C-alpha cells in the first residue's frame, strides 16, 4: 500500500473531518475512499470516451431513425398525451 501527502484547504480538511466523525472513520480512511472513488470514476469515463472515439473513427454513428426514436422518447415523456 502506497502512502503520500495531499494538501487541501483548511475548509476541505474540516469538512472531511466532520464526515469522518459522523461515519466513525478516520480522516485517512475517508481520503483514501474519496481517491479510490475518483480514480474508478475517471478510469471508467476514459474507457467510455476512448470507446466512443473508436466508434467514431470507424464511422459507427446512430442512424437518423435511431436518433429520432431516442429524441421522440424524451419529447413524448415531457408532453404526455
Foldseek 3Di string as FASTA:
>chain_A
DDDDDDDDDPVVLVVLCVVCVVVVHDSVVSVVVVVVVVVVVVVVVVVVVVVVVVCVVVVNDDDPVRVCVVVVVVVCVVPPD
